[in-house]
Structures are given as C-alpha cells and as structure tokens.
Amino acid sequence: MSQSEPNPDLRAANRARFELELEFVQSLANPYYLHSLAQQGILNQPAFVNFLKYLMYWKEKDYARFILYPHALHHLELLQQAQFRSEIGKDEWREYLNQKQFDHWRTWRDPSRIQAAAALPTDSQPQSASSEAHIIPHANGS
C-alpha cells in the first residue's frame, strides 16, 4: 500500500466517528431530548460541557453542510451557556423552546406570518422570560 492511500481501518474508524457525532449533534434539535439530558444531570457534567465545546466545529461550513436540522446548531450554541443548560431542565422552558421552534417552522418562508405569530399571547412563556434575550438570542434558529 502506498503512503497516499489511507489505512482502511483508520478510514472506517473516522467515518464511524463522523456519523456518530453527526447523529448526536442533530439530536440536539429536539427540545425534549435537551430537557431529558438536563433532567438526568448530564448537561452539568464538566466532561459533557467540554464535549459540547468540542462539537462546535460542526458550525464550520465544511461540516454544517451535513446537518439536516439547522436548529441543532442553534441549540448547540445555546448549550455553551450555563444558564441555558440549567433552564432547559424546566418543563416551561422545554415547552417554550418547542413552541419557538414550531413557530419558526410555520413562518420561516412568510415574513408576514412572523409578525402575526409574535403578536399572539403565549401562556407557555416561562417565568424567567425577562432573561429570554440572553438565553435564546435568536429564536428563529439563525
């Protein structure tokens, strides 16, 4: 085997790691999954927080193109904040994030519907909504 040909075992291991990390990052698009991780205390483990920092490379153009659920990258960015990791463990924040995500999907192609959705009162807005701007800076997933 020449030096220019990659080792088949190494190539298979790299592919498996890529697919595993891609699947995990995409799972972060699900507010219920984030809530579950928080409820289990996983989001507060230092090793897991470091893993989340490591996964930020998925925001780079060469990797982001493989992401099918763009909210996954937005949520990955939010998970870098200790306050968000704490708040997402609360039922009202899970529901709030879920509703914001739904509103984005419902209105993202029609700007006039965005204003209409924003004008609707939401009973599911969390008590600590005054800090919403710091925790969920871009509710549209960008």
N, C-alpha and C. Protein backbone atom coordinates (compact mmCIF):
# COMPACT_ATOMS: atom_id res chain seq x y z
N MET A 1 0.85 -1.17 0.00
CA MET A 1 0.00 0.00 0.00
C MET A 1 0.90 1.23 0.00
N SER A 2 0.62 2.19 -0.87
CA SER A 2 1.42 3.41 -0.92
C SER A 2 1.03 4.33 0.22
N GLN A 3 1.87 5.33 0.46
CA GLN A 3 1.61 6.24 1.58
C GLN A 3 0.44 7.17 1.29
N SER A 4 0.09 7.35 0.03
CA SER A 4 -1.02 8.25 -0.30
C SER A 4 -2.39 7.60 -0.04
N GLU A 5 -2.43 6.28 0.04
CA GLU A 5 -3.69 5.60 0.31
C GLU A 5 -3.94 5.54 1.81
N PRO A 6 -5.12 5.96 2.25
CA PRO A 6 -5.40 5.91 3.69
C PRO A 6 -5.59 4.47 4.16
N ASN A 7 -5.23 4.25 5.39
CA ASN A 7 -5.42 2.95 6.02
C ASN A 7 -6.92 2.67 6.07
N PRO A 8 -7.37 1.52 5.54
CA PRO A 8 -8.82 1.23 5.54
C PRO A 8 -9.44 1.18 6.94
N ASP A 9 -8.70 0.69 7.92
CA ASP A 9 -9.23 0.64 9.28
C ASP A 9 -9.38 2.04 9.86
N LEU A 10 -8.39 2.88 9.62
CA LEU A 10 -8.45 4.26 10.10
C LEU A 10 -9.59 5.01 9.41
N ARG A 11 -9.72 4.78 8.13
CA ARG A 11 -10.79 5.43 7.37
C ARG A 11 -12.17 5.02 7.90
N ALA A 12 -12.34 3.74 8.19
CA ALA A 12 -13.61 3.24 8.73
C ALA A 12 -13.88 3.82 10.12
N ALA A 13 -12.84 3.93 10.92
CA ALA A 13 -12.99 4.50 12.27
C ALA A 13 -13.37 5.98 12.19
N ASN A 14 -12.73 6.70 11.28
CA ASN A 14 -13.05 8.13 11.10
C ASN A 14 -14.49 8.31 10.61
N ARG A 15 -14.90 7.45 9.70
CA ARG A 15 -16.27 7.54 9.18
C ARG A 15 -17.29 7.25 10.30
N ALA A 16 -17.01 6.24 11.09
CA ALA A 16 -17.91 5.89 12.20
C ALA A 16 -18.01 7.04 13.20
N ARG A 17 -16.88 7.66 13.50
CA ARG A 17 -16.88 8.79 14.44
C ARG A 17 -17.67 9.96 13.86
N PHE A 18 -17.44 10.25 12.58
CA PHE A 18 -18.15 11.32 11.91
C PHE A 18 -19.66 11.09 11.98
N GLU A 19 -20.10 9.89 11.64
CA GLU A 19 -21.53 9.59 11.63
C GLU A 19 -22.12 9.65 13.04
N LEU A 20 -21.39 9.17 14.02
CA LEU A 20 -21.87 9.19 15.40
C LEU A 20 -22.02 10.62 15.91
N GLU A 21 -21.01 11.45 15.65
CA GLU A 21 -21.07 12.85 16.09
C GLU A 21 -22.14 13.62 15.33
N LEU A 22 -22.29 13.34 14.05
CA LEU A 22 -23.34 13.99 13.25
C LEU A 22 -24.72 13.64 13.81
N GLU A 23 -24.93 12.38 14.09
CA GLU A 23 -26.22 11.96 14.64
C GLU A 23 -26.49 12.62 15.99
N PHE A 24 -25.46 12.69 16.83
CA PHE A 24 -25.65 13.31 18.14
C PHE A 24 -25.96 14.80 18.00
N VAL A 25 -25.19 15.51 17.18
CA VAL A 25 -25.43 16.95 17.01
C VAL A 25 -26.84 17.19 16.50
N GLN A 26 -27.29 16.38 15.55
CA GLN A 26 -28.64 16.57 15.02
C GLN A 26 -29.72 16.28 16.07
N SER A 27 -29.42 15.41 17.00
CA SER A 27 -30.39 15.12 18.06
C SER A 27 -30.61 16.33 18.96
N LEU A 28 -29.66 17.26 18.96
CA LEU A 28 -29.78 18.46 19.78
C LEU A 28 -30.88 19.40 19.29
N ALA A 29 -31.42 19.15 18.11
CA ALA A 29 -32.52 19.96 17.59
C ALA A 29 -33.82 19.69 18.35
N ASN A 30 -33.87 18.61 19.10
CA ASN A 30 -35.09 18.20 19.80
C ASN A 30 -35.12 18.76 21.22
N PRO A 31 -36.01 19.73 21.50
CA PRO A 31 -36.09 20.30 22.85
C PRO A 31 -36.39 19.26 23.94
N TYR A 32 -37.13 18.23 23.59
CA TYR A 32 -37.44 17.18 24.57
C TYR A 32 -36.19 16.37 24.92
N TYR A 33 -35.32 16.18 23.95
CA TYR A 33 -34.06 15.48 24.22
C TYR A 33 -33.16 16.34 25.11
N LEU A 34 -33.09 17.63 24.83
CA LEU A 34 -32.30 18.54 25.66
C LEU A 34 -32.83 18.54 27.09
N HIS A 35 -34.14 18.57 27.22
CA HIS A 35 -34.77 18.55 28.54
C HIS A 35 -34.40 17.26 29.28
N SER A 36 -34.43 16.15 28.58
CA SER A 36 -34.08 14.87 29.18
C SER A 36 -32.63 14.85 29.65
N LEU A 37 -31.73 15.38 28.83
CA LEU A 37 -30.32 15.45 29.24
C LEU A 37 -30.16 16.30 30.49
N ALA A 38 -30.90 17.40 30.55
CA ALA A 38 -30.82 18.28 31.72
C ALA A 38 -31.40 17.59 32.96
N GLN A 39 -32.52 16.91 32.79
CA GLN A 39 -33.17 16.23 33.91
C GLN A 39 -32.26 15.15 34.51
N GLN A 40 -31.46 14.53 33.67
CA GLN A 40 -30.55 13.48 34.12
C GLN A 40 -29.24 14.04 34.69
N GLY A 41 -29.08 15.36 34.61
CA GLY A 41 -27.87 15.99 35.13
C GLY A 41 -26.68 15.91 34.20
N ILE A 42 -26.90 15.43 33.00
CA ILE A 42 -25.80 15.26 32.04
C ILE A 42 -25.25 16.60 31.58
N LEU A 43 -26.13 17.59 31.41
CA LEU A 43 -25.69 18.89 30.90
C LEU A 43 -24.79 19.64 31.87
N ASN A 44 -24.75 19.22 33.11
CA ASN A 44 -23.90 19.90 34.11
C ASN A 44 -22.58 19.18 34.36
N GLN A 45 -22.37 18.06 33.71
CA GLN A 45 -21.12 17.33 33.90
C GLN A 45 -20.00 18.03 33.12
N PRO A 46 -18.89 18.35 33.79
CA PRO A 46 -17.79 19.06 33.11
C PRO A 46 -17.31 18.36 31.84
N ALA A 47 -17.22 17.05 31.85
CA ALA A 47 -16.76 16.33 30.66
C ALA A 47 -17.74 16.53 29.50
N PHE A 48 -19.04 16.55 29.81
CA PHE A 48 -20.03 16.74 28.76
C PHE A 48 -20.00 18.17 28.24
N VAL A 49 -19.81 19.14 29.13
CA VAL A 49 -19.70 20.54 28.71
C VAL A 49 -18.50 20.70 27.77
N ASN A 50 -17.40 20.04 28.09
CA ASN A 50 -16.22 20.08 27.20
C ASN A 50 -16.54 19.43 25.86
N PHE A 51 -17.30 18.35 25.88
CA PHE A 51 -17.69 17.68 24.64
C PHE A 51 -18.53 18.62 23.78
N LEU A 52 -19.44 19.36 24.41
CA LEU A 52 -20.26 20.33 23.67
C LEU A 52 -19.39 21.41 23.04
N LYS A 53 -18.36 21.85 23.75
CA LYS A 53 -17.43 22.84 23.18
C LYS A 53 -16.70 22.25 21.98
N TYR A 54 -16.26 21.01 22.11
CA TYR A 54 -15.57 20.33 21.02
C TYR A 54 -16.46 20.25 19.77
N LEU A 55 -17.75 19.99 19.98
CA LEU A 55 -18.67 19.82 18.85
C LEU A 55 -18.95 21.10 18.08
N MET A 56 -18.49 22.23 18.56
CA MET A 56 -18.72 23.50 17.86
C MET A 56 -18.12 23.52 16.46
N TYR A 57 -17.22 22.60 16.17
CA TYR A 57 -16.66 22.55 14.81
C TYR A 57 -17.75 22.25 13.77
N TRP A 58 -18.88 21.72 14.20
CA TRP A 58 -19.97 21.45 13.27
C TRP A 58 -20.57 22.73 12.70
N LYS A 59 -20.29 23.86 13.29
CA LYS A 59 -20.79 25.13 12.77
C LYS A 59 -19.96 25.62 11.58
N GLU A 60 -18.80 25.01 11.38
CA GLU A 60 -17.96 25.38 10.23
C GLU A 60 -18.62 24.90 8.94
N LYS A 61 -18.43 25.67 7.90
CA LYS A 61 -19.08 25.42 6.61
C LYS A 61 -18.89 23.98 6.11
N ASP A 62 -17.67 23.47 6.23
CA ASP A 62 -17.38 22.13 5.70
C ASP A 62 -18.16 21.03 6.41
N TYR A 63 -18.56 21.28 7.64
CA TYR A 63 -19.31 20.28 8.41
C TYR A 63 -20.80 20.61 8.46
N ALA A 64 -21.13 21.88 8.56
CA ALA A 64 -22.54 22.29 8.68
C ALA A 64 -23.37 21.83 7.49
N ARG A 65 -22.75 21.65 6.36
CA ARG A 65 -23.50 21.23 5.17
C ARG A 65 -24.13 19.85 5.32
N PHE A 66 -23.66 19.07 6.28
CA PHE A 66 -24.21 17.73 6.50
C PHE A 66 -25.40 17.74 7.47
N ILE A 67 -25.63 18.86 8.13
CA ILE A 67 -26.69 18.97 9.14
C ILE A 67 -28.04 19.13 8.44
N LEU A 68 -28.98 18.26 8.78
CA LEU A 68 -30.32 18.33 8.19
C LEU A 68 -31.27 19.18 9.02
N TYR A 69 -30.97 19.36 10.30
CA TYR A 69 -31.84 20.09 11.21
C TYR A 69 -31.09 21.31 11.74
N PRO A 70 -31.23 22.47 11.09
CA PRO A 70 -30.45 23.66 11.47
C PRO A 70 -30.61 24.08 12.93
N HIS A 71 -31.76 23.79 13.54
CA HIS A 71 -31.92 24.14 14.95
C HIS A 71 -30.89 23.42 15.82
N ALA A 72 -30.37 22.32 15.34
CA ALA A 72 -29.35 21.59 16.10
C ALA A 72 -28.14 22.48 16.35
N LEU A 73 -27.73 23.23 15.34
CA LEU A 73 -26.57 24.11 15.50
C LEU A 73 -26.90 25.28 16.42
N HIS A 74 -28.11 25.78 16.31
CA HIS A 74 -28.53 26.87 17.20
C HIS A 74 -28.55 26.39 18.65
N HIS A 75 -29.11 25.22 18.86
CA HIS A 75 -29.17 24.67 20.22
C HIS A 75 -27.78 24.33 20.74
N LEU A 76 -26.90 23.85 19.86
CA LEU A 76 -25.52 23.58 20.27
C LEU A 76 -24.87 24.87 20.78
N GLU A 77 -25.13 25.96 20.08
CA GLU A 77 -24.58 27.25 20.51
C GLU A 77 -25.19 27.67 21.86
N LEU A 78 -26.49 27.49 22.02
CA LEU A 78 -27.14 27.84 23.29
C LEU A 78 -26.60 26.99 24.44
N LEU A 79 -26.28 25.74 24.16
CA LEU A 79 -25.78 24.84 25.19
C LEU A 79 -24.39 25.24 25.70
N GLN A 80 -23.75 26.17 25.04
CA GLN A 80 -22.46 26.67 25.52
C GLN A 80 -22.65 27.55 26.75
N GLN A 81 -23.90 28.00 26.99
CA GLN A 81 -24.21 28.89 28.10
C GLN A 81 -24.75 28.09 29.29
N ALA A 82 -24.12 28.27 30.44
CA ALA A 82 -24.53 27.55 31.66
C ALA A 82 -25.99 27.85 32.00
N GLN A 83 -26.42 29.08 31.80
CA GLN A 83 -27.80 29.44 32.14
C GLN A 83 -28.79 28.65 31.30
N PHE A 84 -28.52 28.53 30.01
CA PHE A 84 -29.42 27.75 29.16
C PHE A 84 -29.43 26.29 29.58
N ARG A 85 -28.26 25.73 29.87
CA ARG A 85 -28.19 24.33 30.30
C ARG A 85 -29.02 24.10 31.56
N SER A 86 -29.07 25.09 32.41
CA SER A 86 -29.87 24.99 33.64
C SER A 86 -31.36 25.16 33.35
N GLU A 87 -31.71 26.16 32.57
CA GLU A 87 -33.12 26.48 32.30
C GLU A 87 -33.83 25.41 31.48
N ILE A 88 -33.14 24.76 30.56
CA ILE A 88 -33.80 23.79 29.68
C ILE A 88 -34.28 22.57 30.47
N GLY A 89 -33.83 22.41 31.68
CA GLY A 89 -34.30 21.33 32.54
C GLY A 89 -35.69 21.58 33.09
N LYS A 90 -36.19 22.79 32.93
CA LYS A 90 -37.52 23.14 33.43
C LYS A 90 -38.56 22.88 32.33
N ASP A 91 -39.68 22.31 32.74
CA ASP A 91 -40.73 21.98 31.77
C ASP A 91 -41.17 23.18 30.95
N GLU A 92 -41.32 24.34 31.62
CA GLU A 92 -41.81 25.51 30.89
C GLU A 92 -40.81 25.99 29.83
N TRP A 93 -39.52 25.82 30.07
CA TRP A 93 -38.53 26.20 29.07
C TRP A 93 -38.51 25.22 27.91
N ARG A 94 -38.68 23.94 28.22
CA ARG A 94 -38.76 22.94 27.15
C ARG A 94 -39.92 23.28 26.23
N GLU A 95 -41.08 23.58 26.83
CA GLU A 95 -42.26 23.90 26.03
C GLU A 95 -42.07 25.21 25.26
N TYR A 96 -41.45 26.18 25.91
CA TYR A 96 -41.21 27.47 25.27
C TYR A 96 -40.30 27.30 24.05
N LEU A 97 -39.21 26.56 24.22
CA LEU A 97 -38.29 26.32 23.11
C LEU A 97 -38.98 25.53 22.01
N ASN A 98 -39.77 24.55 22.39
CA ASN A 98 -40.51 23.75 21.42
C ASN A 98 -41.47 24.63 20.62
N GLN A 99 -42.16 25.55 21.30
CA GLN A 99 -43.10 26.44 20.62
C GLN A 99 -42.37 27.41 19.68
N LYS A 100 -41.24 27.95 20.14
CA LYS A 100 -40.46 28.85 19.29
C LYS A 100 -39.98 28.12 18.03
N GLN A 101 -39.56 26.89 18.21
CA GLN A 101 -39.10 26.09 17.07
C GLN A 101 -40.27 25.85 16.11
N PHE A 102 -41.41 25.49 16.63
CA PHE A 102 -42.60 25.27 15.80
C PHE A 102 -42.98 26.54 15.05
N ASP A 103 -42.98 27.68 15.77
CA ASP A 103 -43.31 28.95 15.13
C ASP A 103 -42.34 29.27 14.00
N HIS A 104 -41.09 28.95 14.19
CA HIS A 104 -40.11 29.19 13.13
C HIS A 104 -40.43 28.33 11.91
N TRP A 105 -40.68 27.06 12.13
CA TRP A 105 -41.01 26.17 11.01
C TRP A 105 -42.26 26.62 10.29
N ARG A 106 -43.22 27.12 11.05
CA ARG A 106 -44.51 27.52 10.48
C ARG A 106 -44.40 28.82 9.68
N THR A 107 -43.46 29.68 10.02
CA THR A 107 -43.44 31.02 9.43
C THR A 107 -42.18 31.37 8.66
N TRP A 108 -41.20 30.52 8.60
CA TRP A 108 -39.90 30.94 8.09
C TRP A 108 -39.90 31.39 6.64
N ARG A 109 -40.84 30.96 5.84
CA ARG A 109 -40.88 31.39 4.44
C ARG A 109 -41.77 32.61 4.21
N ASP A 110 -42.55 32.99 5.20
CA ASP A 110 -43.51 34.07 5.04
C ASP A 110 -43.32 35.10 6.16
N PRO A 111 -42.57 36.19 5.90
CA PRO A 111 -42.29 37.19 6.93
C PRO A 111 -43.54 37.80 7.56
N SER A 112 -44.65 37.90 6.81
CA SER A 112 -45.86 38.49 7.38
C SER A 112 -46.43 37.62 8.50
N ARG A 113 -46.19 36.31 8.44
CA ARG A 113 -46.70 35.41 9.47
C ARG A 113 -45.84 35.49 10.73
N ILE A 114 -44.61 35.96 10.59
CA ILE A 114 -43.74 36.10 11.76
C ILE A 114 -44.32 37.15 12.71
N GLN A 115 -44.73 38.30 12.15
CA GLN A 115 -45.32 39.34 12.98
C GLN A 115 -46.62 38.85 13.62
N ALA A 116 -47.41 38.10 12.88
CA ALA A 116 -48.68 37.59 13.41
C ALA A 116 -48.41 36.61 14.55
N ALA A 117 -47.42 35.75 14.41
CA ALA A 117 -47.09 34.78 15.47
C ALA A 117 -46.54 35.49 16.70
N ALA A 118 -45.76 36.54 16.49
CA ALA A 118 -45.18 37.28 17.62
C ALA A 118 -46.26 38.02 18.40
N ALA A 119 -47.33 38.41 17.73
CA ALA A 119 -48.40 39.16 18.39
C ALA A 119 -49.30 38.27 19.24
N LEU A 120 -49.28 36.97 19.00
CA LEU A 120 -50.13 36.06 19.77
C LEU A 120 -49.61 35.91 21.19
N PRO A 121 -50.49 35.99 22.19
CA PRO A 121 -50.04 35.76 23.57
C PRO A 121 -49.74 34.27 23.77
N THR A 122 -48.71 33.99 24.54
CA THR A 122 -48.37 32.60 24.82
C THR A 122 -48.43 32.37 26.31
N ASP A 123 -49.23 31.40 26.70
CA ASP A 123 -49.33 31.03 28.11
C ASP A 123 -48.16 30.17 28.54
N SER A 124 -47.45 29.62 27.55
CA SER A 124 -46.36 28.70 27.88
C SER A 124 -45.04 29.43 28.08
N GLN A 125 -45.06 30.77 28.04
CA GLN A 125 -43.82 31.52 28.22
C GLN A 125 -43.32 31.35 29.65
N PRO A 126 -42.06 30.99 29.81
CA PRO A 126 -41.52 30.73 31.14
C PRO A 126 -41.51 31.97 32.03
N GLN A 127 -41.52 31.74 33.33
CA GLN A 127 -41.50 32.82 34.31
C GLN A 127 -40.28 33.71 34.12
N SER A 128 -39.15 33.13 33.81
CA SER A 128 -37.92 33.91 33.69
C SER A 128 -37.74 34.46 32.28
N ALA A 129 -38.85 34.78 31.61
CA ALA A 129 -38.79 35.27 30.24
C ALA A 129 -38.07 36.60 30.12
N SER A 130 -37.92 37.31 31.23
CA SER A 130 -37.20 38.58 31.16
C SER A 130 -35.75 38.35 30.74
N SER A 131 -35.23 37.18 31.01
CA SER A 131 -33.85 36.88 30.61
C SER A 131 -33.81 36.12 29.29
N GLU A 132 -34.96 36.01 28.62
CA GLU A 132 -35.05 35.27 27.37
C GLU A 132 -34.03 35.75 26.35
N ALA A 133 -33.85 37.04 26.23
CA ALA A 133 -32.94 37.57 25.22
C ALA A 133 -31.52 37.07 25.43
N HIS A 134 -31.17 36.79 26.67
CA HIS A 134 -29.82 36.30 26.94
C HIS A 134 -29.71 34.80 26.70
N ILE A 135 -30.79 34.08 26.92
CA ILE A 135 -30.75 32.63 26.80
C ILE A 135 -31.06 32.18 25.39
N ILE A 136 -32.05 32.76 24.77
CA ILE A 136 -32.43 32.39 23.42
C ILE A 136 -32.31 33.64 22.55
N PRO A 137 -31.07 33.99 22.15
CA PRO A 137 -30.86 35.23 21.43
C PRO A 137 -31.47 35.27 20.05
N HIS A 138 -31.56 34.14 19.37
CA HIS A 138 -32.11 34.10 18.02
C HIS A 138 -33.13 32.98 17.96
N ALA A 139 -34.35 33.29 18.32
CA ALA A 139 -35.39 32.26 18.36
C ALA A 139 -35.71 31.72 16.98
N ASN A 140 -35.23 32.39 15.94
CA ASN A 140 -35.51 31.91 14.59
C ASN A 140 -34.53 30.84 14.14
N GLY A 141 -33.60 30.44 15.00
CA GLY A 141 -32.69 29.35 14.67
C GLY A 141 -31.48 29.77 13.88
N SER A 142 -31.30 31.08 13.67
CA SER A 142 -30.12 31.52 12.91
C SER A 142 -28.96 31.81 13.81
